[in-house]
Amino acid sequence: MSDDYPQPRDEDIRHDLKAGEYHRAFELLIERYKVKVFHLAFSLLRDETQAEDMAQEVFLRIWKGLPGYTGQASLSTWIYTICRNTCLTELGKRAARPTVSLHDPVFEHALESIPAFQSADRETGVEMDVMHLLSQLPDRYQEVITLFYLEQKSYEEVSALLAMPLGTVKTFLFRAKRELLKIGRRITPVPA
């Protein structure tokens, strides 16, 4: 779709699904959710290439599941659940067969701890990478922060998507923000 056209709406997608227009509904769904699915996959997997691959897998599963979508859950809840479950399954497989990659967070963290590789120098105008900061948080905090701030979901939507109580979502958000402040202080040099 061109930038001249408005973003597809969930109502349009549901209308096409009811009419049996699965190809059209799927095209609209991809346009509406491709970035959001990638962000969620990236927040869980912490690897851009794997997140891209997983986003493709998620959309394949969505395509296969479209005829069975009943509309009981909102489209976003249904899609995020598929994405989350697909990524968690992949993480389980990955844990069962550990591999070493140059993009492994352990290696990246080691490189980033070397002053020459740090890019948080405010004087040069280089801003901290949000995804890098998020990658330093525990998984449960990453998911909540990604959905609430990056995907702009409400507390209630985050609670439903992650199947956790509303109070837990708020607690995780508070703790995640506190951790991000600590991380930011470690990265940002203290003025002399």
Protein backbone atom coordinates (compact mmCIF):
# COMPACT_ATOMS: atom_id res chain seq x y z
CA MET A 1 0.00 0.00 0.00
CA SER A 2 1.15 3.51 -0.72
CA ASP A 3 1.55 6.23 1.90
CA ASP A 4 -1.35 8.01 0.17
CA TYR A 5 -3.83 5.48 1.56
CA PRO A 6 -4.96 5.30 5.17
CA GLN A 7 -3.80 2.44 7.39
CA PRO A 8 -6.18 -0.55 7.18
CA ARG A 9 -8.54 -0.88 10.12
CA ASP A 10 -9.48 -4.00 12.03
CA GLU A 11 -13.10 -3.42 11.00
CA ASP A 12 -12.11 -3.63 7.33
CA ILE A 13 -10.24 -6.86 7.92
CA ARG A 14 -13.14 -8.41 9.86
CA HIS A 15 -15.56 -7.33 7.12
CA ASP A 16 -13.46 -9.10 4.46
CA LEU A 17 -13.21 -12.20 6.66
CA LYS A 18 -17.00 -12.36 7.08
CA ALA A 19 -17.37 -12.00 3.33
CA GLY A 20 -14.95 -14.89 2.80
CA GLU A 21 -12.39 -12.59 1.17
CA TYR A 22 -9.43 -14.23 2.91
CA HIS A 23 -6.78 -13.02 0.45
CA ARG A 24 -7.90 -9.40 0.79
CA ALA A 25 -8.23 -9.68 4.57
CA PHE A 26 -4.75 -11.20 4.81
CA GLU A 27 -3.22 -8.42 2.69
CA LEU A 28 -4.81 -5.79 4.94
CA LEU A 29 -3.75 -7.69 8.04
CA ILE A 30 -0.12 -7.83 6.91
CA GLU A 31 -0.12 -4.13 6.13
CA ARG A 32 -1.58 -3.28 9.53
CA TYR A 33 0.43 -5.64 11.71
CA LYS A 34 3.77 -6.34 10.00
CA VAL A 35 5.75 -3.80 12.02
CA LYS A 36 4.04 -4.67 15.29
CA VAL A 37 4.62 -8.40 14.84
CA PHE A 38 8.29 -7.76 14.04
CA HIS A 39 8.72 -5.56 17.15
CA LEU A 40 7.17 -8.16 19.41
CA ALA A 41 9.25 -10.95 17.85
CA PHE A 42 12.40 -8.86 18.20
CA SER A 43 11.67 -8.07 21.84
CA LEU A 44 11.36 -11.77 22.57
CA LEU A 45 14.14 -13.15 20.38
CA ARG A 46 16.64 -10.27 20.59
CA ASP A 47 17.91 -10.93 17.09
CA GLU A 48 16.80 -8.95 14.04
CA THR A 49 17.28 -11.74 11.50
CA GLN A 50 15.49 -14.29 13.64
CA ALA A 51 12.71 -11.79 14.33
CA GLU A 52 12.23 -11.32 10.58
CA ASP A 53 12.11 -15.08 10.05
CA MET A 54 9.72 -15.49 12.96
CA ALA A 55 7.45 -12.72 11.65
CA GLN A 56 7.16 -14.67 8.39
CA GLU A 57 6.34 -17.83 10.35
CA VAL A 58 3.74 -15.92 12.37
CA PHE A 59 2.03 -14.63 9.23
CA LEU A 60 2.05 -18.12 7.76
CA ARG A 61 0.28 -19.38 10.88
CA ILE A 62 -2.15 -16.47 10.72
CA TRP A 63 -2.92 -17.29 7.07
CA LYS A 64 -3.61 -20.91 7.96
CA GLY A 65 -5.76 -19.84 10.92
CA LEU A 66 -7.82 -17.13 9.21
CA PRO A 67 -10.75 -19.38 8.27
CA GLY A 68 -11.02 -20.45 11.92
CA TYR A 69 -10.86 -16.92 13.37
CA THR A 70 -14.19 -16.46 15.14
CA GLY A 71 -13.80 -12.89 16.32
CA GLN A 72 -14.15 -13.77 20.01
CA ALA A 73 -10.83 -12.02 20.69
CA SER A 74 -9.82 -8.80 19.00
CA LEU A 75 -7.59 -9.20 15.95
CA SER A 76 -4.63 -7.67 17.76
CA THR A 77 -5.02 -10.05 20.72
CA TRP A 78 -5.32 -13.03 18.40
CA ILE A 79 -2.26 -11.97 16.35
CA TYR A 80 -0.11 -11.12 19.38
CA THR A 81 -0.98 -14.45 20.97
CA ILE A 82 0.08 -16.30 17.84
CA CYS A 83 3.28 -14.25 17.68
CA ARG A 84 4.11 -14.71 21.33
CA ASN A 85 3.45 -18.45 21.28
CA THR A 86 5.45 -18.92 18.07
CA CYS A 87 8.41 -17.02 19.52
CA LEU A 88 8.25 -18.86 22.85
CA THR A 89 8.21 -22.18 20.99
CA GLU A 90 11.28 -21.06 19.04
CA LEU A 91 13.03 -20.01 22.24
CA GLY A 92 12.29 -23.46 23.69
CA LYS A 93 13.78 -25.12 20.62
CA ARG A 94 16.78 -22.82 20.80
CA ALA A 95 17.37 -23.72 24.45
CA ALA A 96 17.27 -27.41 23.54
CA ARG A 97 19.96 -26.93 20.88
CA PRO A 98 22.27 -24.10 21.97
CA THR A 99 24.44 -22.54 19.29
CA VAL A 100 27.06 -19.82 19.28
CA SER A 101 26.52 -16.76 17.13
CA LEU A 102 28.47 -13.57 16.67
CA HIS A 103 25.17 -11.79 17.31
CA ASP A 104 24.69 -13.59 20.62
CA PRO A 105 23.79 -11.06 23.34
CA VAL A 106 26.73 -12.28 25.46
CA PHE A 107 29.23 -11.41 22.71
CA GLU A 108 27.46 -8.15 21.91
CA HIS A 109 27.46 -7.19 25.59
CA ALA A 110 31.17 -7.97 25.83
CA LEU A 111 31.88 -5.74 22.81
CA GLU A 112 29.68 -2.98 24.15
CA SER A 113 31.51 -2.99 27.48
CA ILE A 114 34.65 -1.85 25.64
CA PRO A 115 34.67 1.98 25.73
CA ALA A 116 35.55 2.29 22.04
CA PHE A 117 32.31 0.53 21.08
CA GLN A 118 29.98 2.51 23.34
CA SER A 119 27.71 4.92 21.50
CA ALA A 120 25.93 6.74 24.29
CA ASP A 121 28.07 9.90 24.16
CA ARG A 122 25.53 12.71 24.33
CA GLU A 123 28.07 15.35 23.32
CA THR A 124 28.37 13.82 19.86
CA GLY A 125 24.59 13.70 19.52
CA VAL A 126 24.44 9.91 19.28
CA GLU A 127 21.33 8.65 21.06
CA MET A 128 21.07 5.36 22.89
CA ASP A 129 19.50 2.56 20.91
CA VAL A 130 16.12 1.72 22.42
CA MET A 131 16.29 -1.92 21.37
CA HIS A 132 19.73 -2.23 22.93
CA LEU A 133 18.39 -0.88 26.22
CA LEU A 134 15.39 -3.19 26.08
CA SER A 135 17.62 -6.18 25.40
CA GLN A 136 19.23 -5.67 28.80
CA LEU A 137 15.91 -6.11 30.60
CA PRO A 138 14.47 -9.45 31.71
CA ASP A 139 12.08 -10.95 29.13
CA ARG A 140 8.96 -10.28 31.19
CA TYR A 141 9.81 -6.57 31.38
CA GLN A 142 10.70 -6.38 27.67
CA GLU A 143 7.31 -7.73 26.64
CA VAL A 144 5.39 -5.28 28.82
CA ILE A 145 7.49 -2.26 27.78
CA THR A 146 7.28 -3.18 24.10
CA LEU A 147 3.52 -3.60 24.10
CA PHE A 148 2.74 -0.59 26.33
CA TYR A 149 5.17 2.00 24.98
CA LEU A 150 6.25 0.87 21.51
CA GLU A 151 2.94 -0.67 20.43
CA GLN A 152 0.88 1.82 22.50
CA LYS A 153 -1.40 -0.80 24.02
CA SER A 154 -3.46 0.05 27.09
CA TYR A 155 -2.84 -1.60 30.45
CA GLU A 156 -5.88 -3.79 29.85
CA GLU A 157 -4.71 -4.83 26.38
CA VAL A 158 -1.24 -5.71 27.67
CA SER A 159 -2.85 -7.69 30.47
CA ALA A 160 -4.98 -9.65 27.98
CA LEU A 161 -2.17 -10.19 25.48
CA LEU A 162 0.25 -11.51 28.08
CA ALA A 163 -2.40 -13.30 30.15
CA MET A 164 -1.31 -11.61 33.36
CA PRO A 165 -3.21 -9.60 35.98
CA LEU A 166 -3.51 -5.86 35.47
CA GLY A 167 -1.61 -5.18 38.71
CA THR A 168 1.29 -7.30 37.50
CA VAL A 169 1.44 -5.33 34.24
CA LYS A 170 1.64 -2.05 36.18
CA THR A 171 4.28 -3.49 38.54
CA PHE A 172 6.37 -4.78 35.64
CA LEU A 173 6.14 -1.39 33.89
CA PHE A 174 7.29 0.39 37.04
CA ARG A 175 10.17 -2.03 37.61
CA ALA A 176 11.17 -1.96 33.94
CA LYS A 177 11.36 1.84 33.94
CA ARG A 178 13.45 1.73 37.11
CA GLU A 179 15.82 -0.81 35.49
CA LEU A 180 16.08 1.30 32.32
CA LEU A 181 17.10 4.29 34.45
CA LYS A 182 19.83 2.20 36.09
CA ILE A 183 21.03 0.96 32.69
CA GLY A 184 21.02 4.51 31.32
CA ARG A 185 23.12 5.73 34.26
CA ARG A 186 25.66 2.95 33.68
CA ILE A 187 25.95 3.80 29.99
CA THR A 188 25.92 7.61 30.24
CA PRO A 189 29.27 9.02 31.36
CA VAL A 190 29.06 11.19 34.48
CA PRO A 191 30.25 14.76 33.77
CA ALA A 192 33.52 15.70 35.49
